[in-house]
Amino acid sequence: MLKDGIVLEDNNGKIVMNQYSFCELIKHLLVYYVGISYVKASEIVDSSHLAEPIESAMDAGLLSHEYAYYWAMSLYYGNRYWEKGISAQPEDLAAYFKLEDSFMKQFHLKEPFESI
């Protein structure tokens, strides 16, 4: 079961992984950018590696190095999706971050990754 507030620690410090919020954000991005239903987006995300238990700060760090958009497109279109004509990143990053913020507010999601 996905949850928020997973505290992970390594030699570089602590990070909080809000895995539930992270996965929910990706689901809503799939609905928005791909046009699939929330049910289909949930099936995709819930059966992916993103929904597996996070075991280390390194795991969380690797996930946090990409925009949620990247994970959504990669899950739906596959690795190297940009070679299939899909934009590598949102064309208007300001609008993208505004969209992420609106999803987080609308669905009461937390920041996916928090340094502490």
N, C-alpha and C. Protein backbone atom coordinates (compact mmCIF):
# COMPACT_ATOMS: atom_id res chain seq x y z
N MET A 1 0.84 -1.18 0.00
CA MET A 1 0.00 0.00 0.00
C MET A 1 0.89 1.25 0.00
N LEU A 2 0.58 2.16 -0.88
CA LEU A 2 1.35 3.39 -0.99
C LEU A 2 1.01 4.33 0.16
N LYS A 3 2.04 5.02 0.63
CA LYS A 3 1.80 5.98 1.71
C LYS A 3 2.73 7.16 1.56
N ASP A 4 2.42 8.21 2.24
CA ASP A 4 3.25 9.39 2.31
C ASP A 4 4.04 9.36 3.60
N GLY A 5 5.08 10.18 3.66
CA GLY A 5 5.84 10.32 4.89
C GLY A 5 6.88 9.26 5.14
N ILE A 6 7.41 8.64 4.08
CA ILE A 6 8.43 7.62 4.24
C ILE A 6 9.78 8.34 4.43
N VAL A 7 10.36 8.20 5.60
CA VAL A 7 11.64 8.86 5.90
C VAL A 7 12.77 7.90 5.58
N LEU A 8 13.67 8.36 4.72
CA LEU A 8 14.82 7.56 4.30
C LEU A 8 16.09 8.33 4.61
N GLU A 9 17.12 7.61 5.03
CA GLU A 9 18.34 8.27 5.44
C GLU A 9 19.55 7.55 4.87
N ASP A 10 20.55 8.34 4.48
CA ASP A 10 21.84 7.79 4.09
C ASP A 10 22.92 8.76 4.55
N ASN A 11 24.14 8.58 4.10
CA ASN A 11 25.25 9.43 4.54
C ASN A 11 25.08 10.89 4.14
N ASN A 12 24.27 11.15 3.15
CA ASN A 12 24.06 12.51 2.66
C ASN A 12 22.92 13.23 3.37
N GLY A 13 22.19 12.56 4.22
CA GLY A 13 21.09 13.19 4.94
C GLY A 13 19.81 12.39 4.85
N LYS A 14 18.72 13.09 5.11
CA LYS A 14 17.39 12.46 5.11
C LYS A 14 16.52 13.04 4.01
N ILE A 15 15.65 12.20 3.50
CA ILE A 15 14.66 12.63 2.52
C ILE A 15 13.33 11.99 2.91
N VAL A 16 12.25 12.72 2.71
CA VAL A 16 10.92 12.17 2.91
C VAL A 16 10.34 11.90 1.54
N MET A 17 9.95 10.67 1.33
CA MET A 17 9.31 10.26 0.08
C MET A 17 7.82 10.17 0.33
N ASN A 18 7.07 10.97 -0.37
CA ASN A 18 5.61 10.91 -0.31
C ASN A 18 5.16 10.12 -1.54
N GLN A 19 5.29 8.81 -1.41
CA GLN A 19 5.07 7.90 -2.54
C GLN A 19 3.62 7.91 -3.03
N TYR A 20 2.68 7.95 -2.11
CA TYR A 20 1.27 8.02 -2.52
C TYR A 20 1.04 9.26 -3.37
N SER A 21 1.48 10.42 -2.89
CA SER A 21 1.29 11.68 -3.61
C SER A 21 2.02 11.66 -4.95
N PHE A 22 3.23 11.11 -4.97
CA PHE A 22 4.02 11.01 -6.20
C PHE A 22 3.26 10.19 -7.25
N CYS A 23 2.78 9.04 -6.85
CA CYS A 23 2.06 8.17 -7.79
C CYS A 23 0.73 8.78 -8.23
N GLU A 24 0.04 9.43 -7.32
CA GLU A 24 -1.21 10.10 -7.69
C GLU A 24 -0.96 11.23 -8.69
N LEU A 25 0.09 11.99 -8.50
CA LEU A 25 0.43 13.06 -9.43
C LEU A 25 0.68 12.49 -10.81
N ILE A 26 1.40 11.40 -10.89
CA ILE A 26 1.68 10.77 -12.18
C ILE A 26 0.39 10.29 -12.84
N LYS A 27 -0.52 9.74 -12.06
CA LYS A 27 -1.80 9.31 -12.61
C LYS A 27 -2.55 10.48 -13.25
N HIS A 28 -2.59 11.60 -12.55
CA HIS A 28 -3.31 12.77 -13.08
C HIS A 28 -2.60 13.36 -14.29
N LEU A 29 -1.29 13.27 -14.33
CA LEU A 29 -0.56 13.73 -15.51
C LEU A 29 -0.84 12.82 -16.71
N LEU A 30 -0.97 11.53 -16.47
CA LEU A 30 -1.33 10.60 -17.55
C LEU A 30 -2.72 10.94 -18.11
N VAL A 31 -3.64 11.21 -17.23
CA VAL A 31 -5.00 11.58 -17.68
C VAL A 31 -4.93 12.85 -18.52
N TYR A 32 -4.20 13.83 -18.05
CA TYR A 32 -4.13 15.14 -18.71
C TYR A 32 -3.38 15.06 -20.05
N TYR A 33 -2.18 14.50 -20.04
CA TYR A 33 -1.34 14.52 -21.24
C TYR A 33 -1.66 13.42 -22.24
N VAL A 34 -2.06 12.25 -21.77
CA VAL A 34 -2.30 11.12 -22.67
C VAL A 34 -3.78 11.01 -23.03
N GLY A 35 -4.65 11.43 -22.11
CA GLY A 35 -6.08 11.38 -22.39
C GLY A 35 -6.73 10.07 -22.02
N ILE A 36 -6.06 9.30 -21.17
CA ILE A 36 -6.67 8.04 -20.73
C ILE A 36 -7.49 8.30 -19.47
N SER A 37 -8.27 7.33 -19.07
CA SER A 37 -9.09 7.47 -17.87
C SER A 37 -8.23 7.36 -16.62
N TYR A 38 -8.76 7.87 -15.53
CA TYR A 38 -8.05 7.74 -14.25
C TYR A 38 -7.91 6.27 -13.87
N VAL A 39 -8.91 5.47 -14.18
CA VAL A 39 -8.85 4.03 -13.87
C VAL A 39 -7.69 3.38 -14.62
N LYS A 40 -7.55 3.69 -15.92
CA LYS A 40 -6.45 3.14 -16.72
C LYS A 40 -5.11 3.64 -16.20
N ALA A 41 -5.04 4.94 -15.88
CA ALA A 41 -3.80 5.51 -15.34
C ALA A 41 -3.43 4.81 -14.03
N SER A 42 -4.41 4.54 -13.21
CA SER A 42 -4.15 3.84 -11.94
C SER A 42 -3.61 2.44 -12.18
N GLU A 43 -4.16 1.74 -13.14
CA GLU A 43 -3.67 0.39 -13.46
C GLU A 43 -2.20 0.44 -13.89
N ILE A 44 -1.86 1.42 -14.71
CA ILE A 44 -0.49 1.56 -15.21
C ILE A 44 0.47 1.86 -14.07
N VAL A 45 0.14 2.86 -13.27
CA VAL A 45 1.05 3.28 -12.20
C VAL A 45 1.13 2.22 -11.11
N ASP A 46 0.00 1.68 -10.72
CA ASP A 46 -0.03 0.71 -9.62
C ASP A 46 0.71 -0.59 -9.95
N SER A 47 0.85 -0.90 -11.24
CA SER A 47 1.56 -2.12 -11.62
C SER A 47 3.02 -1.82 -12.02
N SER A 48 3.46 -0.59 -11.83
CA SER A 48 4.82 -0.21 -12.22
C SER A 48 5.79 -0.27 -11.05
N HIS A 49 7.05 -0.10 -11.36
CA HIS A 49 8.10 -0.06 -10.33
C HIS A 49 7.94 1.13 -9.39
N LEU A 50 7.21 2.16 -9.82
CA LEU A 50 7.02 3.34 -8.98
C LEU A 50 6.17 3.03 -7.75
N ALA A 51 5.38 1.99 -7.81
CA ALA A 51 4.51 1.62 -6.69
C ALA A 51 5.13 0.55 -5.80
N GLU A 52 6.34 0.14 -6.12
CA GLU A 52 7.03 -0.85 -5.28
C GLU A 52 7.60 -0.16 -4.05
N PRO A 53 7.83 -0.91 -2.99
CA PRO A 53 8.38 -0.30 -1.78
C PRO A 53 9.69 0.43 -2.04
N ILE A 54 9.82 1.61 -1.46
CA ILE A 54 11.04 2.39 -1.55
C ILE A 54 11.91 1.95 -0.37
N GLU A 55 13.12 1.52 -0.66
CA GLU A 55 13.96 0.95 0.39
C GLU A 55 15.14 1.80 0.79
N SER A 56 15.47 2.82 -0.01
CA SER A 56 16.65 3.60 0.33
C SER A 56 16.50 5.04 -0.15
N ALA A 57 17.32 5.89 0.45
CA ALA A 57 17.36 7.29 0.02
C ALA A 57 17.83 7.37 -1.43
N MET A 58 18.70 6.46 -1.83
CA MET A 58 19.19 6.43 -3.21
C MET A 58 18.04 6.16 -4.18
N ASP A 59 17.15 5.22 -3.82
CA ASP A 59 15.98 4.93 -4.66
C ASP A 59 15.14 6.20 -4.84
N ALA A 60 14.88 6.87 -3.74
CA ALA A 60 14.07 8.10 -3.80
C ALA A 60 14.80 9.18 -4.58
N GLY A 61 16.10 9.28 -4.37
CA GLY A 61 16.89 10.28 -5.09
C GLY A 61 16.86 10.07 -6.59
N LEU A 62 16.93 8.83 -7.02
CA LEU A 62 16.88 8.53 -8.45
C LEU A 62 15.53 8.93 -9.05
N LEU A 63 14.47 8.68 -8.32
CA LEU A 63 13.13 9.06 -8.79
C LEU A 63 12.96 10.58 -8.85
N SER A 64 13.58 11.27 -7.91
CA SER A 64 13.39 12.72 -7.81
C SER A 64 14.18 13.49 -8.86
N HIS A 65 15.09 12.84 -9.57
CA HIS A 65 15.92 13.55 -10.55
C HIS A 65 15.21 13.82 -11.87
N GLU A 66 14.02 13.31 -12.03
CA GLU A 66 13.24 13.55 -13.24
C GLU A 66 11.92 14.21 -12.87
N TYR A 67 11.37 14.96 -13.81
CA TYR A 67 10.03 15.51 -13.61
C TYR A 67 9.03 14.35 -13.55
N ALA A 68 7.93 14.56 -12.85
CA ALA A 68 6.86 13.55 -12.83
C ALA A 68 6.38 13.29 -14.26
N TYR A 69 6.43 14.32 -15.10
CA TYR A 69 6.06 14.18 -16.53
C TYR A 69 6.87 13.05 -17.17
N TYR A 70 8.18 13.03 -16.90
CA TYR A 70 9.04 11.99 -17.47
C TYR A 70 8.53 10.60 -17.09
N TRP A 71 8.22 10.42 -15.81
CA TRP A 71 7.77 9.11 -15.36
C TRP A 71 6.44 8.74 -15.99
N ALA A 72 5.55 9.71 -16.12
CA ALA A 72 4.25 9.44 -16.75
C ALA A 72 4.43 9.01 -18.21
N MET A 73 5.21 9.76 -18.97
CA MET A 73 5.40 9.44 -20.39
C MET A 73 6.17 8.13 -20.56
N SER A 74 7.14 7.91 -19.70
CA SER A 74 7.92 6.68 -19.78
C SER A 74 7.06 5.45 -19.49
N LEU A 75 6.17 5.57 -18.50
CA LEU A 75 5.28 4.45 -18.20
C LEU A 75 4.34 4.15 -19.35
N TYR A 76 3.84 5.20 -19.98
CA TYR A 76 2.83 4.99 -21.03
C TYR A 76 3.46 4.64 -22.39
N TYR A 77 4.48 5.39 -22.78
CA TYR A 77 5.05 5.23 -24.12
C TYR A 77 6.31 4.38 -24.16
N GLY A 78 6.90 4.11 -23.00
CA GLY A 78 8.10 3.29 -22.94
C GLY A 78 9.37 4.11 -22.87
N ASN A 79 10.47 3.39 -22.64
CA ASN A 79 11.77 4.04 -22.57
C ASN A 79 12.07 4.80 -23.85
N ARG A 80 12.77 5.91 -23.70
CA ARG A 80 13.16 6.75 -24.83
C ARG A 80 11.95 7.21 -25.63
N TYR A 81 10.88 7.52 -24.91
CA TYR A 81 9.62 7.94 -25.54
C TYR A 81 9.81 9.14 -26.46
N TRP A 82 10.80 9.99 -26.20
CA TRP A 82 11.02 11.18 -27.02
C TRP A 82 11.43 10.82 -28.44
N GLU A 83 11.95 9.59 -28.62
CA GLU A 83 12.28 9.14 -29.97
C GLU A 83 11.04 8.70 -30.74
N LYS A 84 9.91 8.68 -30.07
CA LYS A 84 8.64 8.28 -30.69
C LYS A 84 7.78 9.51 -31.00
N GLY A 85 8.38 10.69 -30.91
CA GLY A 85 7.66 11.90 -31.25
C GLY A 85 6.97 12.57 -30.07
N ILE A 86 7.16 12.04 -28.88
CA ILE A 86 6.59 12.63 -27.67
C ILE A 86 7.61 13.63 -27.13
N SER A 87 7.15 14.79 -26.75
CA SER A 87 8.05 15.80 -26.22
C SER A 87 8.81 15.26 -25.01
N ALA A 88 10.14 15.48 -24.98
CA ALA A 88 10.97 14.98 -23.89
C ALA A 88 10.59 15.59 -22.56
N GLN A 89 10.14 16.83 -22.58
CA GLN A 89 9.66 17.50 -21.38
C GLN A 89 8.56 18.46 -21.80
N PRO A 90 7.76 18.91 -20.87
CA PRO A 90 6.69 19.84 -21.24
C PRO A 90 7.29 21.07 -21.94
N GLU A 91 6.64 21.51 -22.99
CA GLU A 91 7.16 22.63 -23.77
C GLU A 91 7.17 23.93 -22.96
N ASP A 92 6.17 24.14 -22.14
CA ASP A 92 6.08 25.34 -21.31
C ASP A 92 6.21 24.90 -19.85
N LEU A 93 7.44 24.98 -19.32
CA LEU A 93 7.69 24.48 -17.97
C LEU A 93 6.92 25.27 -16.91
N ALA A 94 6.74 26.57 -17.11
CA ALA A 94 5.98 27.36 -16.14
C ALA A 94 4.54 26.85 -16.07
N ALA A 95 3.94 26.58 -17.22
CA ALA A 95 2.57 26.05 -17.26
C ALA A 95 2.53 24.65 -16.66
N TYR A 96 3.57 23.86 -16.90
CA TYR A 96 3.62 22.51 -16.35
C TYR A 96 3.65 22.55 -14.82
N PHE A 97 4.49 23.38 -14.25
CA PHE A 97 4.57 23.45 -12.79
C PHE A 97 3.28 24.01 -12.19
N LYS A 98 2.62 24.88 -12.92
CA LYS A 98 1.32 25.39 -12.49
C LYS A 98 0.29 24.24 -12.48
N LEU A 99 0.35 23.40 -13.50
CA LEU A 99 -0.54 22.24 -13.59
C LEU A 99 -0.27 21.28 -12.43
N GLU A 100 1.01 20.98 -12.18
CA GLU A 100 1.36 20.11 -11.05
C GLU A 100 0.80 20.69 -9.74
N ASP A 101 1.01 21.98 -9.54
CA ASP A 101 0.51 22.63 -8.32
C ASP A 101 -1.00 22.52 -8.21
N SER A 102 -1.69 22.70 -9.33
CA SER A 102 -3.16 22.63 -9.29
C SER A 102 -3.62 21.22 -8.94
N PHE A 103 -2.95 20.20 -9.48
CA PHE A 103 -3.29 18.82 -9.13
C PHE A 103 -3.04 18.57 -7.65
N MET A 104 -1.92 19.06 -7.15
CA MET A 104 -1.57 18.83 -5.76
C MET A 104 -2.58 19.50 -4.83
N LYS A 105 -3.03 20.67 -5.18
CA LYS A 105 -4.04 21.35 -4.36
C LYS A 105 -5.39 20.66 -4.49
N GLN A 106 -5.81 20.40 -5.71
CA GLN A 106 -7.13 19.80 -5.96
C GLN A 106 -7.29 18.44 -5.30
N PHE A 107 -6.23 17.64 -5.31
CA PHE A 107 -6.32 16.27 -4.81
C PHE A 107 -5.62 16.10 -3.46
N HIS A 108 -5.25 17.21 -2.84
CA HIS A 108 -4.65 17.22 -1.49
C HIS A 108 -3.41 16.33 -1.42
N LEU A 109 -2.50 16.55 -2.37
CA LEU A 109 -1.26 15.78 -2.44
C LEU A 109 -0.12 16.57 -1.83
N LYS A 110 0.86 15.86 -1.34
CA LYS A 110 2.05 16.47 -0.76
C LYS A 110 3.15 16.54 -1.82
N GLU A 111 4.15 17.37 -1.55
CA GLU A 111 5.33 17.38 -2.44
C GLU A 111 5.89 15.95 -2.45
N PRO A 112 6.17 15.41 -3.62
CA PRO A 112 6.65 14.04 -3.68
C PRO A 112 7.93 13.77 -2.89
N PHE A 113 8.85 14.74 -2.87
CA PHE A 113 10.12 14.56 -2.19
C PHE A 113 10.41 15.78 -1.34
N GLU A 114 10.80 15.56 -0.10
CA GLU A 114 11.12 16.65 0.79
C GLU A 114 12.45 16.34 1.49
N SER A 115 13.36 17.29 1.45
CA SER A 115 14.63 17.14 2.19
C SER A 115 14.39 17.59 3.62
N ILE A 116 14.96 16.86 4.56
CA ILE A 116 14.85 17.27 5.96
C ILE A 116 16.21 17.25 6.61
